[in-house]
Amino acid sequence: MHWKALPATTAGVLFLSVPKRQLARAVDRNLVRRIAREAWRGAGVAHRPIAVMVKMRRRPDWFAAAGVRQKRRQLRVELDMLFQHRSLGGAGQ
């Protein structure tokens, strides 16, 4: 997943893009969105004046073979790393 900082707003805004091409099942797309929102709030950047666009560019290699619990854990770890990087002021990709 990649993120991009957008022009600042009055409150933290998270935009998500999980294409049907990457995850055909709506259940999986919704899972990614739900976990991304949890990680966004948990990172503490939701209250800062920033807008971030998170886009899934390709399906992770482990995603198809993983169970629901493993998907949740792996997604949360990856998203936490993305938002931690953002909260430290790193450059986006």
N, C-alpha and C. Protein backbone atom coordinates (compact mmCIF):
# COMPACT_ATOMS: atom_id res chain seq x y z
N MET A 1 0.83 -1.17 0.00
CA MET A 1 0.00 0.00 0.00
C MET A 1 0.88 1.24 0.00
N HIS A 2 0.38 2.26 -0.61
CA HIS A 2 1.10 3.52 -0.69
C HIS A 2 0.21 4.63 -0.17
N TRP A 3 0.83 5.71 0.24
CA TRP A 3 0.07 6.86 0.72
C TRP A 3 0.63 8.12 0.10
N LYS A 4 -0.18 9.15 0.10
CA LYS A 4 0.23 10.44 -0.44
C LYS A 4 -0.43 11.52 0.40
N ALA A 5 0.36 12.49 0.82
CA ALA A 5 -0.20 13.62 1.57
C ALA A 5 -0.87 14.58 0.61
N LEU A 6 -2.00 15.08 0.99
CA LEU A 6 -2.77 16.02 0.18
C LEU A 6 -2.78 17.38 0.87
N PRO A 7 -3.28 18.43 0.23
CA PRO A 7 -3.33 19.74 0.88
C PRO A 7 -4.04 19.67 2.24
N ALA A 8 -3.52 20.40 3.18
CA ALA A 8 -4.02 20.35 4.55
C ALA A 8 -5.46 20.82 4.65
N THR A 9 -6.18 20.23 5.56
CA THR A 9 -7.56 20.60 5.85
C THR A 9 -7.65 20.96 7.33
N THR A 10 -8.84 21.26 7.80
CA THR A 10 -9.00 21.64 9.19
C THR A 10 -8.87 20.46 10.13
N ALA A 11 -9.20 19.27 9.68
CA ALA A 11 -9.09 18.08 10.51
C ALA A 11 -8.51 16.95 9.68
N GLY A 12 -8.03 15.91 10.34
CA GLY A 12 -7.45 14.78 9.63
C GLY A 12 -8.48 14.07 8.77
N VAL A 13 -8.11 13.82 7.53
CA VAL A 13 -9.00 13.16 6.59
C VAL A 13 -8.25 12.00 5.97
N LEU A 14 -8.89 10.84 5.91
CA LEU A 14 -8.29 9.65 5.32
C LEU A 14 -9.11 9.25 4.12
N PHE A 15 -8.48 9.21 2.96
CA PHE A 15 -9.13 8.73 1.75
C PHE A 15 -8.58 7.35 1.45
N LEU A 16 -9.44 6.41 1.12
CA LEU A 16 -9.02 5.04 0.85
C LEU A 16 -9.41 4.62 -0.55
N SER A 17 -8.53 3.88 -1.20
CA SER A 17 -8.82 3.33 -2.51
C SER A 17 -8.40 1.87 -2.50
N VAL A 18 -9.39 0.98 -2.52
CA VAL A 18 -9.15 -0.45 -2.57
C VAL A 18 -9.87 -0.97 -3.82
N PRO A 19 -9.18 -1.05 -4.96
CA PRO A 19 -9.83 -1.39 -6.22
C PRO A 19 -10.35 -2.82 -6.27
N LYS A 20 -11.43 -2.97 -6.96
CA LYS A 20 -12.04 -4.28 -7.18
C LYS A 20 -11.10 -5.19 -7.95
N ARG A 21 -10.26 -4.59 -8.76
CA ARG A 21 -9.29 -5.36 -9.54
C ARG A 21 -8.29 -6.07 -8.62
N GLN A 22 -7.96 -5.44 -7.49
CA GLN A 22 -6.99 -6.03 -6.57
C GLN A 22 -7.63 -7.05 -5.63
N LEU A 23 -8.81 -6.72 -5.13
CA LEU A 23 -9.53 -7.62 -4.22
C LEU A 23 -10.95 -7.77 -4.75
N ALA A 24 -11.23 -8.88 -5.36
CA ALA A 24 -12.52 -9.08 -6.02
C ALA A 24 -13.68 -9.17 -5.03
N ARG A 25 -13.42 -9.72 -3.86
CA ARG A 25 -14.50 -9.90 -2.89
C ARG A 25 -14.72 -8.64 -2.07
N ALA A 26 -15.97 -8.22 -1.98
CA ALA A 26 -16.32 -7.02 -1.21
C ALA A 26 -15.96 -7.18 0.26
N VAL A 27 -16.04 -8.40 0.77
CA VAL A 27 -15.70 -8.66 2.17
C VAL A 27 -14.24 -8.28 2.43
N ASP A 28 -13.36 -8.63 1.50
CA ASP A 28 -11.95 -8.32 1.67
C ASP A 28 -11.69 -6.82 1.54
N ARG A 29 -12.35 -6.16 0.59
CA ARG A 29 -12.19 -4.71 0.44
C ARG A 29 -12.66 -3.98 1.69
N ASN A 30 -13.78 -4.39 2.23
CA ASN A 30 -14.30 -3.77 3.45
C ASN A 30 -13.39 -4.03 4.64
N LEU A 31 -12.79 -5.22 4.71
CA LEU A 31 -11.85 -5.53 5.78
C LEU A 31 -10.66 -4.58 5.74
N VAL A 32 -10.12 -4.36 4.54
CA VAL A 32 -8.97 -3.45 4.41
C VAL A 32 -9.37 -2.04 4.83
N ARG A 33 -10.53 -1.59 4.40
CA ARG A 33 -10.98 -0.23 4.76
C ARG A 33 -11.18 -0.09 6.27
N ARG A 34 -11.80 -1.09 6.88
CA ARG A 34 -12.07 -1.05 8.32
C ARG A 34 -10.77 -0.99 9.11
N ILE A 35 -9.82 -1.84 8.74
CA ILE A 35 -8.56 -1.88 9.47
C ILE A 35 -7.76 -0.60 9.23
N ALA A 36 -7.85 -0.04 8.03
CA ALA A 36 -7.15 1.22 7.75
C ALA A 36 -7.69 2.34 8.62
N ARG A 37 -9.02 2.40 8.78
CA ARG A 37 -9.59 3.44 9.65
C ARG A 37 -9.18 3.25 11.10
N GLU A 38 -9.12 1.98 11.57
CA GLU A 38 -8.67 1.70 12.94
C GLU A 38 -7.22 2.14 13.13
N ALA A 39 -6.37 1.81 12.17
CA ALA A 39 -4.96 2.17 12.26
C ALA A 39 -4.78 3.69 12.20
N TRP A 40 -5.58 4.36 11.41
CA TRP A 40 -5.53 5.83 11.28
C TRP A 40 -5.84 6.49 12.62
N ARG A 41 -6.92 6.03 13.26
CA ARG A 41 -7.28 6.58 14.56
C ARG A 41 -6.25 6.21 15.62
N GLY A 42 -5.74 4.98 15.56
CA GLY A 42 -4.77 4.51 16.54
C GLY A 42 -3.43 5.21 16.44
N ALA A 43 -3.06 5.69 15.26
CA ALA A 43 -1.78 6.36 15.06
C ALA A 43 -1.79 7.77 15.63
N GLY A 44 -2.96 8.31 15.92
CA GLY A 44 -3.05 9.63 16.51
C GLY A 44 -2.88 10.77 15.54
N VAL A 45 -3.00 10.51 14.25
CA VAL A 45 -2.86 11.59 13.26
C VAL A 45 -4.22 12.06 12.76
N ALA A 46 -5.29 11.47 13.25
CA ALA A 46 -6.64 11.84 12.80
C ALA A 46 -7.00 13.26 13.22
N HIS A 47 -6.41 13.75 14.29
CA HIS A 47 -6.74 15.10 14.78
C HIS A 47 -5.85 16.19 14.17
N ARG A 48 -4.78 15.79 13.47
CA ARG A 48 -3.87 16.76 12.87
C ARG A 48 -4.44 17.30 11.56
N PRO A 49 -4.10 18.50 11.17
CA PRO A 49 -4.62 19.07 9.92
C PRO A 49 -3.89 18.50 8.71
N ILE A 50 -4.27 17.27 8.35
CA ILE A 50 -3.63 16.59 7.23
C ILE A 50 -4.66 15.72 6.52
N ALA A 51 -4.49 15.59 5.24
CA ALA A 51 -5.32 14.68 4.45
C ALA A 51 -4.38 13.68 3.81
N VAL A 52 -4.72 12.40 3.90
CA VAL A 52 -3.86 11.34 3.37
C VAL A 52 -4.69 10.42 2.49
N MET A 53 -4.13 10.08 1.33
CA MET A 53 -4.75 9.14 0.41
C MET A 53 -3.97 7.83 0.49
N VAL A 54 -4.65 6.74 0.83
CA VAL A 54 -4.03 5.42 0.91
C VAL A 54 -4.63 4.58 -0.22
N LYS A 55 -3.75 4.00 -1.03
CA LYS A 55 -4.22 3.22 -2.18
C LYS A 55 -3.53 1.86 -2.20
N MET A 56 -4.32 0.82 -2.39
CA MET A 56 -3.77 -0.51 -2.56
C MET A 56 -3.45 -0.69 -4.04
N ARG A 57 -2.17 -0.75 -4.35
CA ARG A 57 -1.75 -0.87 -5.74
C ARG A 57 -1.69 -2.30 -6.23
N ARG A 58 -1.38 -3.21 -5.33
CA ARG A 58 -1.40 -4.62 -5.70
C ARG A 58 -1.74 -5.44 -4.47
N ARG A 59 -2.31 -6.58 -4.71
CA ARG A 59 -2.67 -7.47 -3.62
C ARG A 59 -1.40 -8.10 -3.05
N PRO A 60 -1.25 -8.10 -1.73
CA PRO A 60 -0.07 -8.74 -1.13
C PRO A 60 -0.02 -10.22 -1.49
N ASP A 61 1.18 -10.76 -1.65
CA ASP A 61 1.35 -12.16 -2.04
C ASP A 61 0.73 -13.12 -1.04
N TRP A 62 0.76 -12.77 0.23
CA TRP A 62 0.27 -13.65 1.28
C TRP A 62 -1.25 -13.61 1.42
N PHE A 63 -1.92 -12.66 0.80
CA PHE A 63 -3.34 -12.40 1.06
C PHE A 63 -4.24 -13.57 0.68
N ALA A 64 -4.03 -14.19 -0.46
CA ALA A 64 -4.94 -15.24 -0.95
C ALA A 64 -4.92 -16.47 -0.05
N ALA A 65 -3.76 -16.84 0.46
CA ALA A 65 -3.65 -18.06 1.26
C ALA A 65 -3.92 -17.84 2.74
N ALA A 66 -4.04 -16.61 3.18
CA ALA A 66 -4.17 -16.30 4.61
C ALA A 66 -5.61 -16.46 5.08
N GLY A 67 -5.75 -16.79 6.35
CA GLY A 67 -7.05 -16.80 6.98
C GLY A 67 -7.42 -15.39 7.41
N VAL A 68 -8.64 -15.23 7.91
CA VAL A 68 -9.12 -13.90 8.28
C VAL A 68 -8.27 -13.29 9.39
N ARG A 69 -7.93 -14.06 10.39
CA ARG A 69 -7.13 -13.52 11.50
C ARG A 69 -5.75 -13.08 11.03
N GLN A 70 -5.14 -13.89 10.16
CA GLN A 70 -3.82 -13.53 9.65
C GLN A 70 -3.91 -12.29 8.76
N LYS A 71 -4.97 -12.18 7.97
CA LYS A 71 -5.17 -11.00 7.13
C LYS A 71 -5.27 -9.75 7.99
N ARG A 72 -6.06 -9.84 9.06
CA ARG A 72 -6.24 -8.69 9.94
C ARG A 72 -4.91 -8.27 10.57
N ARG A 73 -4.15 -9.25 11.07
CA ARG A 73 -2.87 -8.95 11.71
C ARG A 73 -1.88 -8.33 10.74
N GLN A 74 -1.73 -8.95 9.57
CA GLN A 74 -0.76 -8.48 8.59
C GLN A 74 -1.12 -7.08 8.07
N LEU A 75 -2.40 -6.87 7.78
CA LEU A 75 -2.84 -5.56 7.30
C LEU A 75 -2.60 -4.49 8.36
N ARG A 76 -2.91 -4.81 9.59
CA ARG A 76 -2.74 -3.83 10.66
C ARG A 76 -1.27 -3.47 10.85
N VAL A 77 -0.39 -4.47 10.76
CA VAL A 77 1.04 -4.20 10.90
C VAL A 77 1.52 -3.29 9.78
N GLU A 78 1.12 -3.59 8.54
CA GLU A 78 1.55 -2.78 7.41
C GLU A 78 1.01 -1.35 7.50
N LEU A 79 -0.27 -1.22 7.85
CA LEU A 79 -0.86 0.11 7.95
C LEU A 79 -0.30 0.89 9.13
N ASP A 80 -0.02 0.22 10.23
CA ASP A 80 0.61 0.90 11.37
C ASP A 80 1.97 1.46 10.97
N MET A 81 2.73 0.68 10.19
CA MET A 81 4.04 1.17 9.74
C MET A 81 3.87 2.38 8.82
N LEU A 82 2.88 2.35 7.94
CA LEU A 82 2.64 3.49 7.05
C LEU A 82 2.28 4.74 7.84
N PHE A 83 1.35 4.62 8.78
CA PHE A 83 0.91 5.78 9.53
C PHE A 83 1.95 6.25 10.55
N GLN A 84 2.75 5.34 11.06
CA GLN A 84 3.84 5.73 11.95
C GLN A 84 4.85 6.55 11.18
N HIS A 85 5.15 6.14 9.98
CA HIS A 85 6.06 6.87 9.10
C HIS A 85 5.50 8.26 8.82
N ARG A 86 4.21 8.35 8.58
CA ARG A 86 3.57 9.63 8.29
C ARG A 86 3.59 10.53 9.52
N SER A 87 3.35 9.95 10.70
CA SER A 87 3.28 10.80 11.88
C SER A 87 4.66 11.33 12.26
N LEU A 88 5.72 10.67 11.79
CA LEU A 88 7.05 11.15 12.06
C LEU A 88 7.50 12.20 11.06
N GLY A 89 6.66 12.48 10.08
CA GLY A 89 6.99 13.52 9.12
C GLY A 89 7.80 13.04 7.95
N GLY A 90 7.80 11.70 7.68
CA GLY A 90 8.54 11.18 6.54
C GLY A 90 7.90 11.54 5.22
N ALA A 91 8.63 11.40 4.16
CA ALA A 91 8.11 11.72 2.83
C ALA A 91 7.27 10.57 2.31
N GLY A 92 6.21 10.90 1.59
CA GLY A 92 5.30 9.90 1.04
C GLY A 92 5.80 9.30 -0.25
N GLN A 93 5.11 8.24 -0.66
CA GLN A 93 5.48 7.58 -1.91
C GLN A 93 4.32 7.58 -2.85
